[in-house]
């Protein structure tokens, strides 16, 4: 298939499938949108109709609007769009995240959305979908990004929390409100059943995960506690945007941490002024990106979101046709959206988080 015949193309509105007449994660309003997951840079309001994975329906409604027309699809369910057949397959990124498989006249394309290969008790595992063309994210597309075992990271977080208890300080762990917070609450169940306190931006999202049957530590909202509540030894989860704001003052004395894949790079924690950094990502690391490309059997790879150059070079060295697929982020995110979309951007970089 030549580039002129591409099944999925980049347009001003987003990734578009001409023979199916639909968009994938459009960044501007369109008549028909297939949404890979509920993060703010993928699920935007204003479209005529939406299709998304049934497992993430609650999150999509919360993000897009409860009055929006959202058609839930089971993983693997096939639906006809024009001359194409479309199905969604688990991406392992967050609850209800999906890859989009598009088949047209024997040609198969897969748009991965965001994905990871590590175990995660809060969502379905990644499904390898064989294809001719694979559109892959490259958020952490550099060899330096290699994740340690999630159980080890959870133990480090728990031990830090216990040390904060010994030191008589509050432990404030910054993490993204959708996906990361719930994963931490689920991973920590192996060590404790103690209540964790949540920033207001997280409470509804945690509730939606509970309604989906995800087992997590008990939680309560910070705002529900009395004025002179003793925060010493407590664990709080808060979005990165809460750091350095007046909201933090009530918890003094405290120790701060940040759970993110960006903590893998030496110096990031110091530049961001966190006391502790925990390397925990909801995206594929470098070895997982390479393994996934190989396992799909794709003869062509289009890389998007982040560090695409190294991944494109790796593919070309192995005889796989590869190039960057440019995508767009429309405008600056709000404070809440910034916390949810910043997983695509190195927090040490200047300016607003891209895409």
C-alpha atoms as a PDB file:
ATOM      1  CA  UNK A   1       0.000   0.000   0.000  1.00  0.00           C
ATOM      2  CA  UNK A   2       1.459   3.336  -1.007  1.00  0.00           C
ATOM      3  CA  UNK A   3       1.289   6.422   1.166  1.00  0.00           C
ATOM      4  CA  UNK A   4      -1.415   7.849  -1.086  1.00  0.00           C
ATOM      5  CA  UNK A   5      -3.537   4.790  -0.255  1.00  0.00           C
ATOM      6  CA  UNK A   6      -2.949   4.917   3.501  1.00  0.00           C
ATOM      7  CA  UNK A   7      -5.815   3.520   5.506  1.00  0.00           C
ATOM      8  CA  UNK A   8      -5.297   6.068   8.308  1.00  0.00           C
ATOM      9  CA  UNK A   9      -4.045   9.584   7.613  1.00  0.00           C
ATOM     10  CA  UNK A  10      -3.326  12.714   9.664  1.00  0.00           C
ATOM     11  CA  UNK A  11      -5.680  15.635   9.042  1.00  0.00           C
ATOM     12  CA  UNK A  12      -6.419  18.949  10.740  1.00  0.00           C
ATOM     13  CA  UNK A  13      -9.114  17.232  12.793  1.00  0.00           C
ATOM     14  CA  UNK A  14      -7.067  14.173  13.752  1.00  0.00           C
ATOM     15  CA  UNK A  15      -6.269  10.682  12.517  1.00  0.00           C
ATOM     16  CA  UNK A  16      -8.807   9.851   9.811  1.00  0.00           C
ATOM     17  CA  UNK A  17      -9.796   6.650   8.047  1.00  0.00           C
ATOM     18  CA  UNK A  18     -11.144   7.627   4.575  1.00  0.00           C
ATOM     19  CA  UNK A  19     -12.812   4.314   3.581  1.00  0.00           C
ATOM     20  CA  UNK A  20     -14.451   4.075   7.042  1.00  0.00           C
ATOM     21  CA  UNK A  21     -15.226   7.790   7.361  1.00  0.00           C
ATOM     22  CA  UNK A  22     -14.267   7.987  11.052  1.00  0.00           C
ATOM     23  CA  UNK A  23     -11.563   9.559  13.215  1.00  0.00           C
ATOM     24  CA  UNK A  24      -9.437   8.096  15.989  1.00  0.00           C
ATOM     25  CA  UNK A  25      -8.947  10.324  19.065  1.00  0.00           C
ATOM     26  CA  UNK A  26      -9.740  13.492  17.076  1.00  0.00           C
ATOM     27  CA  UNK A  27      -8.448  16.760  18.513  1.00  0.00           C
ATOM     28  CA  UNK A  28     -11.302  18.772  17.006  1.00  0.00           C
ATOM     29  CA  UNK A  29     -15.057  17.993  16.786  1.00  0.00           C
ATOM     30  CA  UNK A  30     -15.959  15.494  14.055  1.00  0.00           C
ATOM     31  CA  UNK A  31     -19.125  13.520  13.207  1.00  0.00           C
ATOM     32  CA  UNK A  32     -17.758  10.064  14.181  1.00  0.00           C
ATOM     33  CA  UNK A  33     -14.967   9.429  16.695  1.00  0.00           C
ATOM     34  CA  UNK A  34     -13.414   6.219  17.956  1.00  0.00           C
ATOM     35  CA  UNK A  35     -11.774   6.964  21.301  1.00  0.00           C
ATOM     36  CA  UNK A  36      -8.932   4.837  22.644  1.00  0.00           C
ATOM     37  CA  UNK A  37      -9.272   5.846  26.318  1.00  0.00           C
ATOM     38  CA  UNK A  38     -10.439   8.494  28.761  1.00  0.00           C
ATOM     39  CA  UNK A  39      -7.376  10.722  29.145  1.00  0.00           C
ATOM     40  CA  UNK A  40      -8.094  14.339  28.257  1.00  0.00           C
ATOM     41  CA  UNK A  41      -5.773  14.441  25.243  1.00  0.00           C
ATOM     42  CA  UNK A  42      -7.564  11.483  23.654  1.00  0.00           C
ATOM     43  CA  UNK A  43     -11.215  11.937  24.652  1.00  0.00           C
ATOM     44  CA  UNK A  44     -12.579  15.365  23.802  1.00  0.00           C
ATOM     45  CA  UNK A  45     -16.156  16.618  23.839  1.00  0.00           C
ATOM     46  CA  UNK A  46     -18.046  18.066  20.876  1.00  0.00           C
ATOM     47  CA  UNK A  47     -18.130  15.144  18.440  1.00  0.00           C
ATOM     48  CA  UNK A  48     -21.372  13.859  16.938  1.00  0.00           C
ATOM     49  CA  UNK A  49     -21.017  10.257  18.077  1.00  0.00           C
ATOM     50  CA  UNK A  50     -18.397   8.197  19.869  1.00  0.00           C
ATOM     51  CA  UNK A  51     -17.330   4.568  20.012  1.00  0.00           C
ATOM     52  CA  UNK A  52     -15.146   3.253  22.845  1.00  0.00           C
ATOM     53  CA  UNK A  53     -14.371   0.160  24.895  1.00  0.00           C
ATOM     54  CA  UNK A  54     -17.218  -0.873  27.189  1.00  0.00           C
ATOM     55  CA  UNK A  55     -14.768  -1.402  30.053  1.00  0.00           C
ATOM     56  CA  UNK A  56     -14.027   2.332  30.091  1.00  0.00           C
ATOM     57  CA  UNK A  57     -17.545   3.601  29.475  1.00  0.00           C
ATOM     58  CA  UNK A  58     -17.824   5.280  32.889  1.00  0.00           C
ATOM     59  CA  UNK A  59     -14.566   7.161  32.356  1.00  0.00           C
ATOM     60  CA  UNK A  60     -15.580   8.239  28.849  1.00  0.00           C
ATOM     61  CA  UNK A  61     -18.897   9.564  30.117  1.00  0.00           C
ATOM     62  CA  UNK A  62     -17.116  11.471  32.867  1.00  0.00           C
ATOM     63  CA  UNK A  63     -14.676  12.955  30.368  1.00  0.00           C
ATOM     64  CA  UNK A  64     -16.901  13.597  27.344  1.00  0.00           C
ATOM     65  CA  UNK A  65     -20.230  14.185  29.070  1.00  0.00           C
ATOM     66  CA  UNK A  66     -23.059  12.005  30.300  1.00  0.00           C
ATOM     67  CA  UNK A  67     -25.310  13.309  27.532  1.00  0.00           C
ATOM     68  CA  UNK A  68     -22.896  12.438  24.722  1.00  0.00           C
ATOM     69  CA  UNK A  69     -23.761   9.630  22.335  1.00  0.00           C
ATOM     70  CA  UNK A  70     -21.231   6.923  23.255  1.00  0.00           C
ATOM     71  CA  UNK A  71     -21.501   3.424  21.771  1.00  0.00           C
ATOM     72  CA  UNK A  72     -19.727   0.858  24.010  1.00  0.00           C
ATOM     73  CA  UNK A  73     -17.934  -1.989  22.277  1.00  0.00           C
ATOM     74  CA  UNK A  74     -16.668  -5.194  23.862  1.00  0.00           C
ATOM     75  CA  UNK A  75     -13.036  -6.020  23.223  1.00  0.00           C
ATOM     76  CA  UNK A  76     -12.866  -7.979  19.975  1.00  0.00           C
ATOM     77  CA  UNK A  77     -16.382  -7.018  18.829  1.00  0.00           C
ATOM     78  CA  UNK A  78     -16.369  -6.286  15.084  1.00  0.00           C
ATOM     79  CA  UNK A  79     -18.263  -3.326  13.656  1.00  0.00           C
ATOM     80  CA  UNK A  80     -18.577  -2.172  10.049  1.00  0.00           C
ATOM     81  CA  UNK A  81     -17.642   1.423   9.240  1.00  0.00           C
ATOM     82  CA  UNK A  82     -18.121   2.042   5.538  1.00  0.00           C
ATOM     83  CA  UNK A  83     -15.885  -0.390   3.689  1.00  0.00           C
ATOM     84  CA  UNK A  84     -13.863  -1.229   6.812  1.00  0.00           C
ATOM     85  CA  UNK A  85     -14.220  -3.616   9.745  1.00  0.00           C
ATOM     86  CA  UNK A  86     -13.190  -2.172  13.104  1.00  0.00           C
ATOM     87  CA  UNK A  87     -12.584  -3.814  16.464  1.00  0.00           C
ATOM     88  CA  UNK A  88     -11.112  -2.668  19.778  1.00  0.00           C
ATOM     89  CA  UNK A  89      -8.441  -4.608  21.685  1.00  0.00           C
ATOM     90  CA  UNK A  90      -7.015  -4.044  25.139  1.00  0.00           C
ATOM     91  CA  UNK A  91      -4.046  -1.661  25.325  1.00  0.00           C
ATOM     92  CA  UNK A  92      -3.195  -2.225  29.003  1.00  0.00           C
ATOM     93  CA  UNK A  93      -2.752   1.526  29.559  1.00  0.00           C
ATOM     94  CA  UNK A  94      -5.625   2.389  31.937  1.00  0.00           C
ATOM     95  CA  UNK A  95      -9.098   1.013  32.604  1.00  0.00           C
ATOM     96  CA  UNK A  96     -10.901   0.632  29.279  1.00  0.00           C
ATOM     97  CA  UNK A  97      -7.946   1.602  27.104  1.00  0.00           C
ATOM     98  CA  UNK A  98      -8.013   0.172  23.599  1.00  0.00           C
ATOM     99  CA  UNK A  99      -6.108  -0.337  20.405  1.00  0.00           C
ATOM    100  CA  UNK A 100      -8.084   0.194  17.212  1.00  0.00           C
ATOM    101  CA  UNK A 101      -7.828  -2.540  14.587  1.00  0.00           C
ATOM    102  CA  UNK A 102      -8.980  -1.512  11.104  1.00  0.00           C
ATOM    103  CA  UNK A 103      -9.293  -3.990   8.241  1.00  0.00           C
ATOM    104  CA  UNK A 104      -9.888  -2.994   4.635  1.00  0.00           C
ATOM    105  CA  UNK A 105      -9.602  -5.298   1.606  1.00  0.00           C
ATOM    106  CA  UNK A 106      -7.250  -7.654   3.416  1.00  0.00           C
ATOM    107  CA  UNK A 107      -5.006  -4.898   4.784  1.00  0.00           C
ATOM    108  CA  UNK A 108      -4.873  -4.561   8.594  1.00  0.00           C
ATOM    109  CA  UNK A 109      -3.820  -1.431  10.473  1.00  0.00           C
ATOM    110  CA  UNK A 110      -3.627  -1.134  14.252  1.00  0.00           C
ATOM    111  CA  UNK A 111      -3.583   2.204  16.060  1.00  0.00           C
ATOM    112  CA  UNK A 112      -2.234   1.437  19.516  1.00  0.00           C
ATOM    113  CA  UNK A 113      -3.309   4.577  21.358  1.00  0.00           C
ATOM    114  CA  UNK A 114      -1.296   4.566  24.603  1.00  0.00           C
ATOM    115  CA  UNK A 115      -0.216   1.163  25.884  1.00  0.00           C
ATOM    116  CA  UNK A 116       1.983  -0.744  28.295  1.00  0.00           C
ATOM    117  CA  UNK A 117       3.078  -4.363  28.669  1.00  0.00           C
ATOM    118  CA  UNK A 118       3.568  -4.515  32.458  1.00  0.00           C
ATOM    119  CA  UNK A 119       1.117  -6.225  34.799  1.00  0.00           C
ATOM    120  CA  UNK A 120      -1.552  -3.907  36.175  1.00  0.00           C
ATOM    121  CA  UNK A 121      -4.408  -5.053  38.448  1.00  0.00           C
ATOM    122  CA  UNK A 122      -6.579  -2.094  37.373  1.00  0.00           C
ATOM    123  CA  UNK A 123      -7.035  -2.943  33.686  1.00  0.00           C
ATOM    124  CA  UNK A 124      -7.010  -5.721  31.122  1.00  0.00           C
ATOM    125  CA  UNK A 125      -3.537  -6.726  29.851  1.00  0.00           C
ATOM    126  CA  UNK A 126      -2.226  -5.658  26.458  1.00  0.00           C
ATOM    127  CA  UNK A 127      -3.291  -7.844  23.549  1.00  0.00           C
ATOM    128  CA  UNK A 128      -0.870  -8.341  20.676  1.00  0.00           C
ATOM    129  CA  UNK A 129      -2.809  -7.772  17.444  1.00  0.00           C
ATOM    130  CA  UNK A 130      -1.054  -8.934  14.258  1.00  0.00           C
ATOM    131  CA  UNK A 131      -1.125  -6.294  11.546  1.00  0.00           C
ATOM    132  CA  UNK A 132       0.481  -4.954   8.391  1.00  0.00           C
ATOM    133  CA  UNK A 133       0.881  -1.394   9.706  1.00  0.00           C
ATOM    134  CA  UNK A 134       1.303  -0.522  13.377  1.00  0.00           C
ATOM    135  CA  UNK A 135       0.805   3.013  14.690  1.00  0.00           C
ATOM    136  CA  UNK A 136       2.708   3.045  17.967  1.00  0.00           C
ATOM    137  CA  UNK A 137       3.198   5.613  20.665  1.00  0.00           C
ATOM    138  CA  UNK A 138       6.806   6.530  21.528  1.00  0.00           C
ATOM    139  CA  UNK A 139       6.365   8.494  24.763  1.00  0.00           C
ATOM    140  CA  UNK A 140       9.372   6.722  26.274  1.00  0.00           C
ATOM    141  CA  UNK A 141      11.058   5.818  22.998  1.00  0.00           C
ATOM    142  CA  UNK A 142      14.671   5.966  24.181  1.00  0.00           C
ATOM    143  CA  UNK A 143      16.897   3.109  25.462  1.00  0.00           C
ATOM    144  CA  UNK A 144      17.305   4.790  28.875  1.00  0.00           C
ATOM    145  CA  UNK A 145      13.666   4.099  29.717  1.00  0.00           C
ATOM    146  CA  UNK A 146      13.513   0.621  31.245  1.00  0.00           C
ATOM    147  CA  UNK A 147      11.016  -0.066  34.016  1.00  0.00           C
ATOM    148  CA  UNK A 148      11.708  -2.033  37.163  1.00  0.00           C
ATOM    149  CA  UNK A 149       9.203  -4.566  38.452  1.00  0.00           C
ATOM    150  CA  UNK A 150       6.007  -2.852  39.605  1.00  0.00           C
ATOM    151  CA  UNK A 151       5.952  -4.855  42.848  1.00  0.00           C
ATOM    152  CA  UNK A 152       9.370  -3.421  43.720  1.00  0.00           C
ATOM    153  CA  UNK A 153       8.151   0.124  43.089  1.00  0.00           C
ATOM    154  CA  UNK A 154       5.076  -0.451  45.241  1.00  0.00           C
ATOM    155  CA  UNK A 155       7.310  -1.716  48.047  1.00  0.00           C
ATOM    156  CA  UNK A 156       9.497   1.402  47.750  1.00  0.00           C
ATOM    157  CA  UNK A 157       6.420   3.633  48.017  1.00  0.00           C
ATOM    158  CA  UNK A 158       5.161   1.723  51.056  1.00  0.00           C
ATOM    159  CA  UNK A 159       8.557   1.870  52.787  1.00  0.00           C
ATOM    160  CA  UNK A 160       8.785   5.619  52.149  1.00  0.00           C
ATOM    161  CA  UNK A 161       5.323   6.037  53.660  1.00  0.00           C
ATOM    162  CA  UNK A 162       6.375   4.049  56.731  1.00  0.00           C
ATOM    163  CA  UNK A 163       9.519   6.162  57.089  1.00  0.00           C
ATOM    164  CA  UNK A 164       7.358   9.277  56.981  1.00  0.00           C
ATOM    165  CA  UNK A 165       5.358   7.829  59.869  1.00  0.00           C
ATOM    166  CA  UNK A 166       8.550   7.302  61.835  1.00  0.00           C
ATOM    167  CA  UNK A 167       9.675  10.842  61.041  1.00  0.00           C
ATOM    168  CA  UNK A 168       6.301  12.304  62.004  1.00  0.00           C
ATOM    169  CA  UNK A 169       5.567  13.879  58.613  1.00  0.00           C
ATOM    170  CA  UNK A 170       2.811  13.577  56.026  1.00  0.00           C
ATOM    171  CA  UNK A 171       3.664  11.623  52.838  1.00  0.00           C
ATOM    172  CA  UNK A 172       2.329  13.410  49.748  1.00  0.00           C
ATOM    173  CA  UNK A 173       2.694  11.359  46.592  1.00  0.00           C
ATOM    174  CA  UNK A 174       2.083  13.245  43.349  1.00  0.00           C
ATOM    175  CA  UNK A 175       0.739  11.167  40.477  1.00  0.00           C
ATOM    176  CA  UNK A 176      -1.646  11.569  37.545  1.00  0.00           C
ATOM    177  CA  UNK A 177      -5.287  11.545  38.563  1.00  0.00           C
ATOM    178  CA  UNK A 178      -6.495   8.993  36.016  1.00  0.00           C
ATOM    179  CA  UNK A 179      -4.730   5.651  35.810  1.00  0.00           C
ATOM    180  CA  UNK A 180      -1.675   6.207  37.994  1.00  0.00           C
ATOM    181  CA  UNK A 181      -3.503   7.029  41.245  1.00  0.00           C
ATOM    182  CA  UNK A 182      -5.733   3.963  40.924  1.00  0.00           C
ATOM    183  CA  UNK A 183      -2.816   1.704  40.059  1.00  0.00           C
ATOM    184  CA  UNK A 184      -0.897   2.826  43.152  1.00  0.00           C
ATOM    185  CA  UNK A 185      -3.946   2.239  45.360  1.00  0.00           C
ATOM    186  CA  UNK A 186      -4.300  -1.248  43.902  1.00  0.00           C
ATOM    187  CA  UNK A 187      -0.611  -2.164  44.165  1.00  0.00           C
ATOM    188  CA  UNK A 188      -0.407  -1.086  47.811  1.00  0.00           C
ATOM    189  CA  UNK A 189      -3.117  -3.570  48.854  1.00  0.00           C
ATOM    190  CA  UNK A 190      -0.391  -6.212  49.084  1.00  0.00           C
ATOM    191  CA  UNK A 191       1.150  -4.316  52.028  1.00  0.00           C
ATOM    192  CA  UNK A 192      -1.655  -2.627  53.975  1.00  0.00           C
ATOM    193  CA  UNK A 193      -5.366  -1.907  54.300  1.00  0.00           C
ATOM    194  CA  UNK A 194      -4.911   1.618  55.674  1.00  0.00           C
ATOM    195  CA  UNK A 195      -6.914   4.540  54.331  1.00  0.00           C
ATOM    196  CA  UNK A 196      -5.266   6.833  51.770  1.00  0.00           C
ATOM    197  CA  UNK A 197      -6.416  10.447  51.375  1.00  0.00           C
ATOM    198  CA  UNK A 198      -7.186  11.958  47.973  1.00  0.00           C
ATOM    199  CA  UNK A 199      -7.054  15.363  46.364  1.00  0.00           C
ATOM    200  CA  UNK A 200     -10.492  16.357  45.095  1.00  0.00           C
ATOM    201  CA  UNK A 201      -9.483  15.846  41.456  1.00  0.00           C
ATOM    202  CA  UNK A 202      -9.084  12.120  42.131  1.00  0.00           C
ATOM    203  CA  UNK A 203     -12.139  11.174  44.159  1.00  0.00           C
ATOM    204  CA  UNK A 204     -14.655  10.696  41.321  1.00  0.00           C
ATOM    205  CA  UNK A 205     -12.157   8.828  39.157  1.00  0.00           C
ATOM    206  CA  UNK A 206     -11.278   6.439  41.993  1.00  0.00           C
ATOM    207  CA  UNK A 207     -14.989   5.860  42.560  1.00  0.00           C
ATOM    208  CA  UNK A 208     -15.458   4.936  38.894  1.00  0.00           C
ATOM    209  CA  UNK A 209     -12.682   2.351  39.182  1.00  0.00           C
ATOM    210  CA  UNK A 210     -14.349   0.870  42.282  1.00  0.00           C
ATOM    211  CA  UNK A 211     -17.645   0.684  40.407  1.00  0.00           C
ATOM    212  CA  UNK A 212     -15.802  -1.256  37.703  1.00  0.00           C
ATOM    213  CA  UNK A 213     -14.751  -3.827  40.315  1.00  0.00           C
ATOM    214  CA  UNK A 214     -11.120  -2.778  40.796  1.00  0.00           C
ATOM    215  CA  UNK A 215      -9.804  -3.617  44.288  1.00  0.00           C
ATOM    216  CA  UNK A 216      -7.941  -0.706  45.900  1.00  0.00           C
ATOM    217  CA  UNK A 217      -7.077   0.599  49.350  1.00  0.00           C
ATOM    218  CA  UNK A 218      -9.852   2.443  51.187  1.00  0.00           C
ATOM    219  CA  UNK A 219      -9.791   6.162  50.449  1.00  0.00           C
ATOM    220  CA  UNK A 220     -11.270   9.384  51.743  1.00  0.00           C
ATOM    221  CA  UNK A 221     -11.215  12.911  50.390  1.00  0.00           C
ATOM    222  CA  UNK A 222      -8.891  15.443  51.979  1.00  0.00           C
ATOM    223  CA  UNK A 223     -11.800  17.864  52.039  1.00  0.00           C
ATOM    224  CA  UNK A 224     -13.840  15.542  54.265  1.00  0.00           C
ATOM    225  CA  UNK A 225     -11.406  15.858  57.186  1.00  0.00           C
ATOM    226  CA  UNK A 226     -11.865  18.323  60.075  1.00  0.00           C
ATOM    227  CA  UNK A 227      -9.847  21.550  60.162  1.00  0.00           C
ATOM    228  CA  UNK A 228      -7.319  20.367  62.733  1.00  0.00           C
ATOM    229  CA  UNK A 229      -6.924  16.814  61.425  1.00  0.00           C
ATOM    230  CA  UNK A 230      -3.513  15.313  62.223  1.00  0.00           C
ATOM    231  CA  UNK A 231      -1.834  14.561  58.890  1.00  0.00           C
ATOM    232  CA  UNK A 232       1.390  13.149  60.339  1.00  0.00           C
ATOM    233  CA  UNK A 233       2.051   9.668  58.996  1.00  0.00           C
ATOM    234  CA  UNK A 234      -0.806   9.799  56.482  1.00  0.00           C
ATOM    235  CA  UNK A 235      -0.415   9.061  52.778  1.00  0.00           C
ATOM    236  CA  UNK A 236      -1.978  11.589  50.383  1.00  0.00           C
ATOM    237  CA  UNK A 237      -2.286  11.281  46.618  1.00  0.00           C
ATOM    238  CA  UNK A 238      -2.368  14.546  44.694  1.00  0.00           C
ATOM    239  CA  UNK A 239      -1.967  15.546  41.032  1.00  0.00           C
ATOM    240  CA  UNK A 240       1.375  17.147  40.078  1.00  0.00           C
ATOM    241  CA  UNK A 241      -0.336  20.508  39.603  1.00  0.00           C
ATOM    242  CA  UNK A 242      -1.069  20.689  43.328  1.00  0.00           C
ATOM    243  CA  UNK A 243       2.626  20.941  44.170  1.00  0.00           C
ATOM    244  CA  UNK A 244       3.735  24.337  45.427  1.00  0.00           C
ATOM    245  CA  UNK A 245       0.176  25.645  45.802  1.00  0.00           C
ATOM    246  CA  UNK A 246      -1.496  26.983  48.967  1.00  0.00           C
ATOM    247  CA  UNK A 247      -3.408  23.685  49.165  1.00  0.00           C
ATOM    248  CA  UNK A 248      -0.210  22.031  50.446  1.00  0.00           C
ATOM    249  CA  UNK A 249       0.235  24.246  53.513  1.00  0.00           C
ATOM    250  CA  UNK A 250      -2.235  22.428  55.739  1.00  0.00           C
ATOM    251  CA  UNK A 251      -0.152  19.236  55.639  1.00  0.00           C
ATOM    252  CA  UNK A 252       3.122  20.622  57.036  1.00  0.00           C
ATOM    253  CA  UNK A 253       5.463  19.035  57.864  1.00  0.00           C
ATOM    254  CA  UNK A 254       5.470  16.779  54.807  1.00  0.00           C
ATOM    255  CA  UNK A 255       7.661  14.820  52.431  1.00  0.00           C
ATOM    256  CA  UNK A 256       6.870  14.802  48.705  1.00  0.00           C
ATOM    257  CA  UNK A 257       7.238  12.116  46.073  1.00  0.00           C
ATOM    258  CA  UNK A 258       6.380  11.767  42.392  1.00  0.00           C
ATOM    259  CA  UNK A 259       5.444   8.506  40.652  1.00  0.00           C
ATOM    260  CA  UNK A 260       6.172   8.702  36.928  1.00  0.00           C
ATOM    261  CA  UNK A 261       8.221   7.127  34.177  1.00  0.00           C
ATOM    262  CA  UNK A 262      10.110  10.434  33.955  1.00  0.00           C
ATOM    263  CA  UNK A 263      11.719   9.599  37.311  1.00  0.00           C
ATOM    264  CA  UNK A 264      13.900   7.099  35.440  1.00  0.00           C
ATOM    265  CA  UNK A 265      16.172   9.922  34.265  1.00  0.00           C
ATOM    266  CA  UNK A 266      18.745  11.035  36.787  1.00  0.00           C
ATOM    267  CA  UNK A 267      18.257  14.643  37.814  1.00  0.00           C
ATOM    268  CA  UNK A 268      14.547  14.897  37.022  1.00  0.00           C
ATOM    269  CA  UNK A 269      13.480  14.492  40.655  1.00  0.00           C
ATOM    270  CA  UNK A 270      16.034  17.076  41.805  1.00  0.00           C
ATOM    271  CA  UNK A 271      14.972  19.608  39.178  1.00  0.00           C
ATOM    272  CA  UNK A 272      11.338  19.159  40.156  1.00  0.00           C
ATOM    273  CA  UNK A 273      12.168  19.501  43.885  1.00  0.00           C
ATOM    274  CA  UNK A 274      10.562  16.226  44.993  1.00  0.00           C
ATOM    275  CA  UNK A 275      12.019  14.440  47.997  1.00  0.00           C
ATOM    276  CA  UNK A 276      11.507  11.030  46.378  1.00  0.00           C
ATOM    277  CA  UNK A 277      11.010   9.792  42.852  1.00  0.00           C
ATOM    278  CA  UNK A 278       9.367   6.469  41.981  1.00  0.00           C
ATOM    279  CA  UNK A 279       9.674   5.102  38.450  1.00  0.00           C
ATOM    280  CA  UNK A 280       6.178   3.948  37.596  1.00  0.00           C
ATOM    281  CA  UNK A 281       4.665   4.436  34.150  1.00  0.00           C
ATOM    282  CA  UNK A 282       1.450   3.525  32.362  1.00  0.00           C
ATOM    283  CA  UNK A 283       3.325   3.535  29.045  1.00  0.00           C
ATOM    284  CA  UNK A 284       5.583   0.975  27.381  1.00  0.00           C
ATOM    285  CA  UNK A 285       9.299   1.280  28.079  1.00  0.00           C
ATOM    286  CA  UNK A 286      11.948   0.923  25.375  1.00  0.00           C
ATOM    287  CA  UNK A 287      12.242  -2.905  25.466  1.00  0.00           C
ATOM    288  CA  UNK A 288       8.441  -3.222  25.444  1.00  0.00           C
ATOM    289  CA  UNK A 289       8.110  -0.948  22.419  1.00  0.00           C
ATOM    290  CA  UNK A 290      10.600  -3.070  20.474  1.00  0.00           C
ATOM    291  CA  UNK A 291       9.026  -6.357  21.576  1.00  0.00           C
ATOM    292  CA  UNK A 292       5.573  -5.167  20.622  1.00  0.00           C
ATOM    293  CA  UNK A 293       6.631  -4.067  17.141  1.00  0.00           C
ATOM    294  CA  UNK A 294       8.257  -7.453  16.564  1.00  0.00           C
ATOM    295  CA  UNK A 295       5.269  -9.392  17.878  1.00  0.00           C
ATOM    296  CA  UNK A 296       2.745  -7.578  15.698  1.00  0.00           C
ATOM    297  CA  UNK A 297       4.686  -8.658  12.605  1.00  0.00           C
ATOM    298  CA  UNK A 298       4.103  -5.216  11.084  1.00  0.00           C
ATOM    299  CA  UNK A 299       6.042  -4.464   7.912  1.00  0.00           C
ATOM    300  CA  UNK A 300       5.491  -0.751   8.424  1.00  0.00           C
ATOM    301  CA  UNK A 301       5.545   1.320  11.637  1.00  0.00           C
ATOM    302  CA  UNK A 302       4.309   4.866  12.217  1.00  0.00           C
ATOM    303  CA  UNK A 303       5.580   6.353  15.495  1.00  0.00           C
ATOM    304  CA  UNK A 304       3.844   9.159  17.349  1.00  0.00           C
ATOM    305  CA  UNK A 305       3.789  10.943  20.739  1.00  0.00           C
ATOM    306  CA  UNK A 306       7.279  11.714  21.983  1.00  0.00           C
ATOM    307  CA  UNK A 307      10.692  10.253  21.200  1.00  0.00           C
ATOM    308  CA  UNK A 308      10.024   8.961  17.705  1.00  0.00           C
ATOM    309  CA  UNK A 309      13.477   9.353  16.121  1.00  0.00           C
ATOM    310  CA  UNK A 310      15.211   6.512  17.959  1.00  0.00           C
ATOM    311  CA  UNK A 311      12.313   4.141  17.408  1.00  0.00           C
ATOM    312  CA  UNK A 312      12.111   4.947  13.700  1.00  0.00           C
ATOM    313  CA  UNK A 313      15.864   4.391  13.350  1.00  0.00           C
ATOM    314  CA  UNK A 314      15.654   1.032  15.161  1.00  0.00           C
ATOM    315  CA  UNK A 315      12.905  -0.130  12.803  1.00  0.00           C
ATOM    316  CA  UNK A 316      14.752   0.942   9.673  1.00  0.00           C
ATOM    317  CA  UNK A 317      17.905  -0.860  10.794  1.00  0.00           C
ATOM    318  CA  UNK A 318      15.832  -4.058  10.814  1.00  0.00           C
ATOM    319  CA  UNK A 319      14.271  -3.531   7.422  1.00  0.00           C
ATOM    320  CA  UNK A 320      10.933  -2.291   8.725  1.00  0.00           C
ATOM    321  CA  UNK A 321       9.558   0.715   6.863  1.00  0.00           C
ATOM    322  CA  UNK A 322       9.108   3.405   9.516  1.00  0.00           C
ATOM    323  CA  UNK A 323       8.429   7.113   9.863  1.00  0.00           C
ATOM    324  CA  UNK A 324       7.027   9.659  12.293  1.00  0.00           C
ATOM    325  CA  UNK A 325       3.301  10.359  12.286  1.00  0.00           C
ATOM    326  CA  UNK A 326       2.805  13.884  13.538  1.00  0.00           C
ATOM    327  CA  UNK A 327      -0.158  14.533  15.814  1.00  0.00           C
ATOM    328  CA  UNK A 328      -1.405  17.710  17.383  1.00  0.00           C
ATOM    329  CA  UNK A 329      -2.467  18.934  20.797  1.00  0.00           C
ATOM    330  CA  UNK A 330      -5.022  21.709  20.493  1.00  0.00           C
ATOM    331  CA  UNK A 331      -4.338  24.573  22.915  1.00  0.00           C
ATOM    332  CA  UNK A 332      -3.075  24.532  26.470  1.00  0.00           C
ATOM    333  CA  UNK A 333      -4.734  22.063  28.832  1.00  0.00           C
ATOM    334  CA  UNK A 334      -6.524  23.217  31.948  1.00  0.00           C
ATOM    335  CA  UNK A 335      -4.859  22.557  35.304  1.00  0.00           C
ATOM    336  CA  UNK A 336      -6.689  19.244  35.708  1.00  0.00           C
ATOM    337  CA  UNK A 337      -6.100  18.201  32.092  1.00  0.00           C
ATOM    338  CA  UNK A 338      -2.438  19.098  32.397  1.00  0.00           C
ATOM    339  CA  UNK A 339      -2.064  16.561  35.184  1.00  0.00           C
ATOM    340  CA  UNK A 340      -3.717  13.897  33.053  1.00  0.00           C
ATOM    341  CA  UNK A 341      -1.977  14.672  29.760  1.00  0.00           C
ATOM    342  CA  UNK A 342       1.512  15.423  31.058  1.00  0.00           C
ATOM    343  CA  UNK A 343       2.387  11.734  30.794  1.00  0.00           C
ATOM    344  CA  UNK A 344       3.255  12.530  27.155  1.00  0.00           C
ATOM    345  CA  UNK A 345       5.716  15.273  28.093  1.00  0.00           C
ATOM    346  CA  UNK A 346       8.984  15.355  29.976  1.00  0.00           C
ATOM    347  CA  UNK A 347       8.217  17.548  33.021  1.00  0.00           C
ATOM    348  CA  UNK A 348      11.688  19.068  32.782  1.00  0.00           C
ATOM    349  CA  UNK A 349      10.944  20.505  29.358  1.00  0.00           C
ATOM    350  CA  UNK A 350       9.982  24.174  29.091  1.00  0.00           C
ATOM    351  CA  UNK A 351       6.531  25.284  28.013  1.00  0.00           C
ATOM    352  CA  UNK A 352       3.145  23.541  28.088  1.00  0.00           C
ATOM    353  CA  UNK A 353       2.890  19.797  27.779  1.00  0.00           C
ATOM    354  CA  UNK A 354       2.744  18.815  24.114  1.00  0.00           C
ATOM    355  CA  UNK A 355       0.056  16.501  22.773  1.00  0.00           C
END
